Amino acid sequence: MRIIAGQFRGHRLVAFKAGHIRPTTDRVKESLFNRLQAKIPGAKVLDLFSGTGSLGLEALSRGAEHVQFVDSHPKSIGILKKNVQLLKVEGIVSISQADVRQFLKTLQAPYDLIFIDPPFTKKMADQVMADLASSKAFGPETTIAIESSHQEEMKDEYLPLVLLDRKEFGDKTLSLFQPKED
């Protein structure tokens, strides 16, 4: 697992194998970040189910201002902290060990970009999108990227969030959402 572009391009990240971790491949990451590149400089990013931090750290490498990482798994948090130290970005990240669905209920300010990569084994992408849609995590210009399994239900609308784009990569689906324009 590595950073593929930007300031930290080529840096290898600490990773581990576990049933709840399914790293985002370079192919998926490249497609996602090519699509979002214009929104990244100066962005406030929320990385839910952050695992080892690959998506949020890629955003920092490409110019994001701050990343809030959220994951409930202690081992993931430990690896994430090592990756943050490795890149020396402690001052521009926040790390919360928390249940993502509960964390969403506590938010009071929007993010510019939201990455969501829930464990495939729990098939909870639909539930998380419904929770996100009723939260204060997004504003009118927010873009949400969520990875899910082909076997998971993913709607085209979680009002006020609507599907912007969807692509399949092997057994994964990457969906982009944004708030519906009035």
Protein backbone atom coordinates (compact mmCIF):
# COMPACT_ATOMS: atom_id res chain seq x y z
CA MET A 1 0.00 0.00 0.00
CA ARG A 2 1.45 3.34 -1.04
CA ILE A 3 0.66 6.99 -1.71
CA ILE A 4 0.24 7.31 -5.50
CA ALA A 5 0.55 11.08 -6.09
CA GLY A 6 1.35 14.43 -4.56
CA GLN A 7 3.77 15.49 -1.86
CA PHE A 8 4.16 11.97 -0.40
CA ARG A 9 4.10 10.10 -3.73
CA GLY A 10 5.73 6.68 -3.50
CA HIS A 11 5.74 6.52 0.31
CA ARG A 12 4.85 3.04 1.49
CA LEU A 13 2.27 2.86 4.25
CA VAL A 14 2.22 0.41 7.14
CA ALA A 15 -0.47 -2.18 6.44
CA PHE A 16 -1.78 -5.41 7.93
CA LYS A 17 -3.96 -8.29 6.90
CA ALA A 18 -7.26 -8.79 8.68
CA GLY A 19 -10.75 -9.88 7.76
CA HIS A 20 -12.20 -6.42 8.37
CA ILE A 21 -9.59 -4.67 6.17
CA ARG A 22 -9.92 -4.58 2.41
CA PRO A 23 -7.44 -2.01 1.14
CA THR A 24 -8.49 0.27 -1.68
CA THR A 25 -6.48 -0.76 -4.73
CA ASP A 26 -4.27 1.72 -6.57
CA ARG A 27 -6.61 1.44 -9.56
CA VAL A 28 -9.68 2.45 -7.54
CA LYS A 29 -7.73 5.15 -5.69
CA GLU A 30 -6.38 6.61 -8.94
CA SER A 31 -9.85 6.71 -10.52
CA LEU A 32 -11.34 8.32 -7.40
CA PHE A 33 -8.67 10.96 -6.98
CA ASN A 34 -8.57 11.83 -10.68
CA ARG A 35 -12.27 12.58 -10.40
CA LEU A 36 -11.92 14.61 -7.20
CA GLN A 37 -8.59 16.38 -7.83
CA ALA A 38 -10.08 19.87 -8.27
CA LYS A 39 -11.85 19.62 -4.89
CA ILE A 40 -8.85 18.44 -2.85
CA PRO A 41 -6.58 21.51 -2.39
CA GLY A 42 -7.53 23.14 0.91
CA ALA A 43 -10.31 20.62 1.60
CA LYS A 44 -11.52 19.43 4.97
CA VAL A 45 -11.83 15.65 4.64
CA LEU A 46 -13.74 13.08 6.68
CA ASP A 47 -12.39 9.52 6.30
CA LEU A 48 -14.91 7.04 7.76
CA PHE A 49 -13.89 3.43 8.40
CA SER A 50 -10.41 4.80 7.73
CA GLY A 51 -8.54 1.57 8.40
CA THR A 52 -4.86 2.34 7.89
CA GLY A 53 -5.64 5.82 6.52
CA SER A 54 -4.82 5.26 2.87
CA LEU A 55 -7.58 7.48 1.42
CA GLY A 56 -7.22 10.36 3.86
CA LEU A 57 -3.44 10.34 3.61
CA GLU A 58 -3.68 10.35 -0.19
CA ALA A 59 -5.89 13.45 0.10
CA LEU A 60 -3.32 15.14 2.36
CA SER A 61 -0.58 14.28 -0.12
CA ARG A 62 -2.60 16.04 -2.83
CA GLY A 63 -3.19 19.22 -0.82
CA ALA A 64 -6.10 18.67 1.59
CA GLU A 65 -5.96 21.01 4.59
CA HIS A 66 -7.14 18.60 7.30
CA VAL A 67 -8.38 15.01 7.63
CA GLN A 68 -10.61 13.63 10.36
CA PHE A 69 -10.08 9.85 10.56
CA VAL A 70 -12.72 7.64 12.21
CA ASP A 71 -12.47 3.90 12.84
CA SER A 72 -13.62 1.67 15.69
CA HIS A 73 -10.99 -1.06 15.40
CA PRO A 74 -8.05 -0.61 17.83
CA LYS A 75 -5.52 -2.29 15.54
CA SER A 76 -6.55 -0.05 12.62
CA ILE A 77 -6.14 3.02 14.83
CA GLY A 78 -2.66 1.83 15.86
CA ILE A 79 -1.56 1.34 12.24
CA LEU A 80 -3.15 4.66 11.24
CA LYS A 81 -1.16 6.47 13.95
CA LYS A 82 2.05 4.87 12.64
CA ASN A 83 1.24 6.05 9.10
CA VAL A 84 0.49 9.58 10.32
CA GLN A 85 3.86 9.63 12.15
CA LEU A 86 5.64 8.17 9.12
CA LEU A 87 4.43 11.08 6.95
CA LYS A 88 4.87 13.62 9.78
CA VAL A 89 1.35 15.03 9.42
CA GLU A 90 0.25 14.89 13.06
CA GLY A 91 -0.65 18.60 13.09
CA ILE A 92 -3.17 18.38 10.25
CA VAL A 93 -5.12 15.26 11.20
CA SER A 94 -7.52 14.20 13.93
CA ILE A 95 -8.07 10.56 14.81
CA SER A 96 -11.19 9.26 16.56
CA GLN A 97 -11.64 5.69 17.69
CA ALA A 98 -15.41 5.52 17.51
CA ASP A 99 -18.38 3.79 15.97
CA VAL A 100 -18.88 5.61 12.66
CA ARG A 101 -22.67 5.63 12.84
CA GLN A 102 -22.60 7.15 16.33
CA PHE A 103 -19.85 9.60 15.34
CA LEU A 104 -22.00 10.97 12.50
CA LYS A 105 -24.65 11.97 15.05
CA THR A 106 -22.15 14.21 16.86
CA LEU A 107 -21.01 16.30 13.89
CA GLN A 108 -21.93 19.98 13.80
CA ALA A 109 -19.93 21.25 10.79
CA PRO A 110 -19.69 20.07 7.17
CA TYR A 111 -16.71 18.56 5.37
CA ASP A 112 -15.71 19.17 1.75
CA LEU A 113 -14.97 15.51 0.98
CA ILE A 114 -16.17 12.37 2.73
CA PHE A 115 -14.62 8.95 2.12
CA ILE A 116 -16.53 5.89 3.32
CA ASP A 117 -15.11 2.39 3.12
CA PRO A 118 -17.16 0.16 5.45
CA PRO A 119 -16.17 -3.46 6.04
CA PHE A 120 -17.59 -5.67 3.27
CA THR A 121 -18.24 -8.39 5.82
CA LYS A 122 -20.86 -6.24 7.57
CA LYS A 123 -22.73 -5.08 4.43
CA MET A 124 -23.56 -1.74 5.99
CA ALA A 125 -22.94 0.78 3.19
CA ASP A 126 -26.68 1.44 2.76
CA GLN A 127 -27.16 2.06 6.50
CA VAL A 128 -24.16 4.39 6.68
CA MET A 129 -25.41 6.43 3.72
CA ALA A 130 -28.83 6.77 5.40
CA ASP A 131 -27.12 7.93 8.62
CA LEU A 132 -24.93 10.36 6.67
CA ALA A 133 -27.95 11.83 4.86
CA SER A 134 -29.51 12.81 8.20
CA SER A 135 -26.27 14.21 9.65
CA LYS A 136 -24.60 17.62 9.55
CA ALA A 137 -21.44 16.15 7.92
CA PHE A 138 -22.07 17.66 4.50
CA GLY A 139 -22.79 21.03 2.94
CA PRO A 140 -24.01 22.09 -0.52
CA GLU A 141 -20.61 21.49 -2.17
CA THR A 142 -19.63 18.24 -0.41
CA THR A 143 -18.73 15.15 -2.43
CA ILE A 144 -19.12 11.72 -0.84
CA ALA A 145 -17.26 8.65 -2.12
CA ILE A 146 -18.33 5.24 -0.82
CA GLU A 147 -16.98 1.79 -1.61
CA SER A 148 -19.31 -1.17 -1.36
CA SER A 149 -19.58 -4.78 -2.40
CA HIS A 150 -21.61 -5.78 -5.47
CA GLN A 151 -23.82 -7.77 -3.10
CA GLU A 152 -24.76 -4.72 -1.05
CA GLU A 153 -27.83 -2.61 -1.62
CA MET A 154 -26.90 0.91 -2.70
CA LYS A 155 -29.66 3.30 -3.69
CA ASP A 156 -29.29 6.19 -6.11
CA GLU A 157 -30.72 8.63 -3.55
CA TYR A 158 -30.37 9.13 0.17
CA LEU A 159 -32.18 12.43 0.17
CA PRO A 160 -30.90 15.04 0.10
CA LEU A 161 -27.88 13.13 -1.29
CA VAL A 162 -28.08 11.93 -4.89
CA LEU A 163 -25.85 9.71 -7.01
CA LEU A 164 -23.33 11.56 -9.14
CA ASP A 165 -21.45 8.58 -10.58
CA ARG A 166 -20.97 4.85 -10.03
CA LYS A 167 -18.20 2.57 -11.29
CA GLU A 168 -17.45 -1.10 -10.76
CA PHE A 169 -13.97 -2.44 -10.03
CA GLY A 170 -13.96 -6.23 -9.72
CA ASP A 171 -16.02 -7.06 -6.62
CA LYS A 172 -16.16 -3.39 -5.53
CA THR A 173 -18.45 -0.56 -6.48
CA LEU A 174 -17.37 3.05 -6.06
CA SER A 175 -20.28 5.49 -5.81
CA LEU A 176 -20.05 9.28 -5.68
CA PHE A 177 -22.85 11.30 -4.12
CA GLN A 178 -23.52 15.00 -3.65
CA PRO A 179 -26.34 17.04 -2.14
CA LYS A 180 -29.26 17.59 -4.49
CA GLU A 181 -29.35 21.06 -5.97
CA ASP A 182 -32.45 23.08 -5.07
